[in-house]
Structure formats: structure tokens, C-alpha cells
Protein backbone atom coordinates (compact mmCIF):
# COMPACT_ATOMS: atom_id res chain seq x y z
CA MET A 1 106.23 83.45 75.21
CA ARG A 2 109.48 81.64 76.52
CA VAL A 3 111.78 83.22 73.70
CA VAL A 4 110.53 86.90 74.70
CA LYS A 5 111.01 86.29 78.34
CA LEU A 6 114.80 85.07 77.17
CA MET A 7 115.35 87.87 74.96
CA ALA A 8 114.26 90.28 77.33
CA SER A 9 116.54 88.66 80.04
CA LEU A 10 119.46 88.91 77.89
CA VAL A 11 118.93 92.60 77.67
CA VAL A 12 118.98 92.98 81.40
CA PHE A 13 122.32 90.74 81.77
CA ALA A 14 123.92 92.65 79.07
CA ALA A 15 122.91 95.93 80.95
CA ASP A 16 124.15 94.25 84.48
CA ALA A 17 127.54 93.19 82.45
CA ILE A 18 128.09 96.95 81.40
CA CYS A 19 127.47 98.37 84.99
CA GLU A 20 129.70 95.71 86.55
CA GLY A 21 132.33 96.62 83.69
CA LEU A 22 131.99 100.12 84.63
CA ARG A 23 132.28 99.38 88.27
CA ARG A 24 135.59 97.83 87.60
CA MET A 25 137.18 100.50 85.62
CA MET A 26 136.42 102.83 88.30
CA GLY A 27 138.18 100.71 91.09
CA GLY A 28 134.85 98.80 92.82
CA CYS A 29 133.88 95.46 92.83
CA GLY A 30 129.94 95.79 92.87
CA ALA A 31 127.51 94.35 95.37
CA ALA A 32 127.34 90.38 96.04
CA LYS A 33 124.64 88.75 94.08
CA CYS A 34 122.48 85.79 95.16
CA VAL A 35 120.09 83.64 93.34
CA VAL A 36 117.67 81.07 94.70
CA LEU A 37 116.47 78.56 92.53
CA TYR A 38 113.19 76.43 92.90
CA TYR A 39 113.03 73.28 91.58
CA HIS A 40 109.99 70.58 91.61
CA SER A 41 110.27 67.11 90.12
CA ILE A 42 113.48 65.62 88.26
CA PRO A 43 112.67 62.47 86.34
CA ALA A 44 114.96 60.06 85.71
CA ARG A 45 114.83 61.18 81.98
CA GLN A 46 116.18 64.43 82.95
CA ARG A 47 118.61 63.63 85.55
CA ALA A 48 121.55 64.28 83.09
CA ARG A 49 120.13 67.57 82.36
CA PHE A 50 119.84 68.57 85.96
CA ALA A 51 123.43 67.56 86.36
CA ARG A 52 124.50 69.55 83.66
CA GLN A 53 122.84 72.82 85.44
CA MET A 54 124.60 72.15 88.90
CA ASP A 55 127.92 72.15 87.06
CA VAL A 56 126.79 75.39 85.78
CA LEU A 57 126.11 76.48 89.16
CA VAL A 58 129.21 75.42 90.80
CA ARG A 59 131.55 76.76 87.98
CA HIS A 60 129.86 80.26 88.26
CA ALA A 61 128.28 80.98 91.82
CA CYS A 62 128.87 79.65 95.36
CA PRO A 63 126.54 77.25 96.47
CA LEU A 64 124.61 78.40 99.80
CA SER A 65 122.23 76.72 102.29
CA ALA A 66 118.85 78.44 102.41
CA ASP A 67 119.19 79.21 106.03
CA SER A 68 122.56 80.83 105.73
CA LYS A 69 123.07 84.00 107.80
CA GLU A 70 126.54 84.90 106.68
CA GLU A 71 127.57 88.08 105.02
CA LEU A 72 128.42 87.80 101.51
CA SER A 73 131.26 88.85 99.68
CA PRO A 74 131.29 92.12 97.52
CA GLY A 75 131.61 91.01 93.95
CA ARG A 76 130.61 87.18 94.57
CA ARG A 77 128.09 85.39 92.87
CA TYR A 78 126.06 83.09 95.03
CA ALA A 79 123.27 80.32 94.37
CA ILE A 80 120.72 78.33 96.77
CA VAL A 81 118.79 75.58 95.43
CA THR A 82 115.41 74.67 96.87
CA PHE A 83 112.90 72.14 96.20
CA ASP A 84 109.09 72.79 96.68
CA ASP A 85 106.81 69.62 97.32
CA ALA A 86 109.35 66.89 98.25
CA ASN A 87 108.80 64.64 94.88
CA ALA A 88 110.15 61.35 95.72
CA ASN A 89 112.24 61.28 92.29
CA ILE A 90 114.73 63.67 93.38
CA ILE A 91 116.15 60.88 96.12
CA ALA A 92 117.53 59.15 93.28
CA ASN A 93 117.66 61.78 90.53
CA ALA A 94 118.85 65.05 92.32
CA LEU A 95 120.20 64.19 95.52
CA PRO A 96 123.41 62.06 94.41
CA GLU A 97 123.87 64.87 91.84
CA LEU A 98 123.82 67.87 94.44
CA LYS A 99 126.13 66.05 97.26
CA SER A 100 128.93 64.77 94.87
CA ARG A 101 129.20 68.62 93.81
CA GLU A 102 128.69 69.36 97.65
CA ILE A 103 125.70 71.57 96.77
CA PRO A 104 123.30 72.27 99.97
CA VAL A 105 119.74 71.88 99.51
CA THR A 106 116.32 72.79 101.36
CA LEU A 107 113.10 70.55 100.51
CA PHE A 108 109.92 72.19 101.33
CA VAL A 109 107.86 69.51 102.72
CA ILE A 110 103.70 69.23 102.48
CA THR A 111 103.06 67.25 105.46
CA ASP A 112 99.45 65.95 105.03
CA LYS A 113 100.58 64.85 101.59
CA LEU A 114 103.24 62.51 101.82
CA GLY A 115 103.03 59.11 99.91
CA ARG A 116 100.47 60.59 97.61
CA ILE A 117 100.48 61.96 94.02
CA PRO A 118 99.67 65.65 93.99
CA ASP A 119 96.10 66.53 93.68
CA TRP A 120 96.27 70.36 94.95
CA GLN A 121 94.56 73.28 93.19
CA ASN A 122 94.57 73.87 89.57
CA PHE A 123 97.67 71.25 88.87
CA ALA A 124 95.84 67.91 89.37
CA ALA A 125 95.52 66.99 85.97
CA ASP A 126 99.28 67.46 85.23
CA PHE A 127 100.75 65.19 87.65
CA THR A 128 101.88 61.46 87.11
CA GLU A 129 102.99 58.51 89.41
CA ASP A 130 106.59 59.84 88.54
CA ASP A 131 105.72 63.16 90.61
CA ARG A 132 104.48 61.13 93.84
CA ILE A 133 105.61 62.86 97.17
CA MET A 134 108.01 61.11 99.49
CA THR A 135 106.74 59.02 101.95
CA GLN A 136 107.69 59.85 105.69
CA GLU A 137 110.03 56.92 105.84
CA GLN A 138 111.99 58.10 102.49
CA LEU A 139 112.27 61.46 104.38
CA LEU A 140 113.77 60.04 107.28
CA THR A 141 116.58 58.44 105.30
CA LEU A 142 117.77 61.51 104.12
CA PRO A 143 119.22 63.92 106.71
CA CYS A 144 122.73 64.91 106.40
CA PRO A 145 124.65 67.95 106.71
CA LEU A 146 123.98 69.03 103.03
CA ILE A 147 120.06 68.30 103.23
CA LYS A 148 117.64 70.49 105.22
CA PHE A 149 113.77 70.40 105.81
CA GLY A 150 111.12 73.49 105.53
CA SER A 151 107.58 73.55 105.47
CA HIS A 152 105.44 74.03 102.47
CA THR A 153 101.82 74.03 104.72
CA MET A 154 99.89 70.75 105.27
CA ASN A 155 97.90 70.63 102.50
CA HIS A 156 99.32 73.13 99.69
CA VAL A 157 96.74 75.70 100.31
CA LEU A 158 96.32 78.86 98.38
CA LEU A 159 96.68 80.51 101.42
CA THR A 160 95.77 83.86 100.10
CA SER A 161 92.37 82.69 99.44
CA VAL A 162 91.41 81.19 103.01
CA ASP A 163 90.71 83.02 106.00
CA ILE A 164 93.45 84.01 108.39
CA GLU A 165 93.00 81.78 110.85
CA ALA A 166 93.09 78.87 108.53
CA ALA A 167 96.04 79.94 107.02
CA ARG A 168 97.99 80.23 110.21
CA ARG A 169 96.72 76.68 111.03
CA GLU A 170 98.73 75.61 107.71
CA ILE A 171 101.47 77.65 108.59
CA GLU A 172 101.70 76.76 111.97
CA GLU A 173 100.93 73.00 112.59
CA SER A 174 102.90 72.06 109.30
CA GLY A 175 106.11 73.01 110.85
CA ARG A 176 105.36 71.38 114.23
CA LYS A 177 104.32 68.36 112.37
CA LEU A 178 107.49 68.40 110.44
CA GLU A 179 109.72 68.71 113.22
CA ARG A 180 108.17 65.73 114.96
CA MET A 181 108.59 63.66 111.57
CA VAL A 182 112.45 64.48 111.40
CA LYS A 183 113.43 65.18 114.69
CA LEU A 184 115.10 68.38 113.42
CA PRO A 185 114.34 71.87 113.83
CA VAL A 186 112.29 73.59 110.94
CA ARG A 187 112.88 77.12 110.38
CA THR A 188 112.11 77.76 106.86
CA PHE A 189 108.72 77.94 104.86
CA SER A 190 107.76 78.19 101.62
CA PHE A 191 104.35 79.81 99.95
CA PRO A 192 102.33 77.43 97.64
CA TYR A 193 102.10 78.87 94.47
CA GLY A 194 104.12 81.90 95.84
CA ALA A 195 100.85 83.81 97.19
CA TYR A 196 101.44 85.66 100.04
CA ASN A 197 100.58 89.07 101.50
CA GLY A 198 101.40 90.97 104.93
CA ALA A 199 99.45 89.28 107.15
CA LEU A 200 100.65 86.00 106.26
CA LEU A 201 104.30 87.23 106.69
CA GLU A 202 103.56 88.07 110.02
CA SER A 203 101.85 84.63 110.70
CA CYS A 204 105.06 83.09 109.69
CA ARG A 205 107.09 85.48 112.11
CA ALA A 206 104.83 84.55 115.11
CA ALA A 207 104.91 80.73 113.95
CA GLY A 208 108.99 80.87 114.79
CA TYR A 209 109.94 80.76 110.96
CA GLU A 210 113.33 82.42 110.49
CA ARG A 211 113.02 82.74 106.66
CA VAL A 212 110.38 82.26 104.23
CA PHE A 213 110.47 81.95 100.43
CA THR A 214 108.52 83.42 97.70
CA THR A 215 108.40 83.05 93.99
CA ASP A 216 109.34 86.48 93.34
CA PRO A 217 112.44 86.33 90.62
CA VAL A 218 114.87 89.20 92.67
CA PHE A 219 118.14 88.70 94.06
CA ALA A 220 118.11 87.32 97.49
CA LEU A 221 120.06 87.87 100.83
CA ARG A 222 120.75 91.48 100.46
CA GLN A 223 120.66 91.52 104.34
CA PRO A 224 122.09 88.51 106.52
CA ASN A 225 118.83 88.20 108.06
CA GLU A 226 116.73 88.72 105.06
CA PHE A 227 113.03 87.37 106.25
CA ALA A 228 111.11 87.14 103.03
CA VAL A 229 113.39 85.62 100.11
CA GLY A 230 112.78 85.59 96.39
CA ARG A 231 113.50 82.69 94.14
CA VAL A 232 113.56 81.93 90.33
CA VAL A 233 111.91 78.89 88.99
CA ALA A 234 114.24 76.35 87.30
CA GLU A 235 113.39 73.30 85.55
CA PRO A 236 115.80 70.54 84.17
CA THR A 237 114.28 71.11 80.90
CA ASP A 238 115.56 74.86 80.70
CA TRP A 239 118.07 75.67 77.99
CA GLY A 240 121.30 76.29 78.64
CA LEU A 241 121.22 80.02 78.08
CA GLU A 242 117.99 80.20 80.01
CA PHE A 243 119.29 78.44 82.82
CA ARG A 244 122.36 80.62 82.84
CA LEU A 245 120.71 83.88 82.78
CA LYS A 246 118.40 82.61 85.57
CA LEU A 247 121.55 81.95 87.64
CA ALA A 248 122.67 85.41 86.81
CA GLY A 249 119.29 87.13 88.12
CA ALA A 250 118.56 88.48 84.73
CA TYR A 251 114.94 87.07 85.19
CA ARG A 252 114.21 89.71 87.75
CA TRP A 253 112.61 92.22 85.59
CA LEU A 254 109.37 89.73 85.80
CA HIS A 255 108.87 90.70 89.15
CA ALA A 256 108.58 94.37 88.02
CA VAL A 257 106.12 93.69 85.52
CA SER A 258 104.00 91.90 87.69
CA LYS A 259 103.92 94.69 90.12
CA MET A 260 103.08 96.84 87.33
CA LYS A 261 100.13 94.81 86.06
CA ARG A 262 98.99 94.58 89.81
CA TRP A 263 99.15 98.24 90.25
CA ILE A 264 97.44 98.84 86.76
CA PHE A 265 94.79 96.30 87.90
CA GLY A 266 94.28 98.46 91.33
CA ILE A 267 93.96 101.59 89.32
CA PHE A 268 91.12 99.94 86.91
CA VAL A 269 89.01 98.27 90.16
CA SER A 270 89.27 101.86 91.95
CA ALA A 271 88.02 103.59 88.86
CA SER A 272 85.07 100.82 88.30
CA ALA A 273 84.04 101.28 92.02
């Protein structure tokens, strides 16, 4: 399946290249393109691969902060790096590589899981000691101009599976707790498992977040004040070509396929009712 996704993304990349070439022939430069990457764990054995990916990133894109509101320049490529969960191993294995290349990063923190091995829904069996979440003390050693903090709920809850009041508590209280911990404003939020809907987006607005992040692999920041921002999952183990295609936005076709599946499922459910 991984190879199939790569081949489909190559087709998208080729189509993009043809379109951009035609625009240049006609004297245009095309729209700005921004991709948000999200990582989780960076074990020590994968640090060198992550470093190579960051070399590719700064060579082909302009790094931005996740809370950037600047107008993007036409024809330029941009990239944003984020981490969900705030795994402790990124302190030693990711942050030095990001700092040395002056790449901003936002860490989305699960406030009530600090210092623990992940134990949340569907993924507990896959986690090891190497995936332990940062402690509050470790968080407090991190603030610098390149590092920002965002909320990832209190308990890594699948927000679409709980009632709206419980979801609101996870959204609102996690941000407040994190602000008290790090003594910095928390204005960004990422949805656990990428699960969200219209009501959850409105709850995030009401909680005071200025930008929220999904796992829809689409281009980001089409508008400077874009609220719901899509992201592409990245792993240090991504093949070189695979990572380049993700950075180019060529995996965005997956979002269209996902939407089509939901549409077909909706038709099926309606027909069965």
C-alpha cells in the first residue's frame, strides 16, 4: 500500500510540475504552497535520518512557525514542522537538528499524560519506554524563540466519540493548564487522531485558539488567518522520495479519496435506513 501511495503521489507531483511549467511560460509564478508536517517520536537510531529530512526541508522550502500569520509570497514553497504528543526523545534527537537549521517547531502537549508512556486508545500496544512523554520539568527547559507550545487535549481523547461538553472540557482546560505550566500563551491546538467536526471547530474558537491543526494532508495557509490547517504525517523512516513528495504536497490526493469514501458511506447508510 505504501508503494501504491507513492506512485499515485508521483503522478500528482508530475501534474503539478507540468502546471507550474505552463504558468512560467505564460509569465506567471503560481500561488504560494505551504505544507505542514507532523511527527511523533524520534528515537536515537533515527536521528540521522531525521536530520537528512530537515536538510531537504531547508533546501526546498522556507520554514515557518505554526502560528505564522504572514502573507506568503507567490511562487514560493513553505514548510511548518509540528510534533504531536511531546515525546521526550525529541529533546535529544529532534530539537538540536531543528535549532541548528533555525527551523521553528510547535509541540502539541497532552497535559495530563506528562511523564507517562502513552496508554491511549488503539495505540497502547505499540508504545515503548522510548516513547515516554516529556515531564513538566522537561517542558520548562525548552522555551526559546524557535519552540512554541500548543494543546493536544488533556487525555488524548477521540473528541468525536464523546459528548460535546466532555469534548469542550478537553479543549478548553488543556489550553489553560498548559499556559499555567509554561507561563506562555497557548493559541494553537491539534486534534487527537485528526478527528474533528464543525461543532469541535467552534468549540476551539470559543476556547480562544487562533489556529487548529487536523491530519487532512492538504496545502496549508491559503489565507494568512486560516483557522483549520491540514497536515501531512511524516516519519524519520520515510523513504527519501516519499519525504520529498510529502514536502511538495503531492500526498494531498489522499484527502480527496477520504472525502469520497465518506460520501459513498453516507449514501449507503441513507439507502439502508
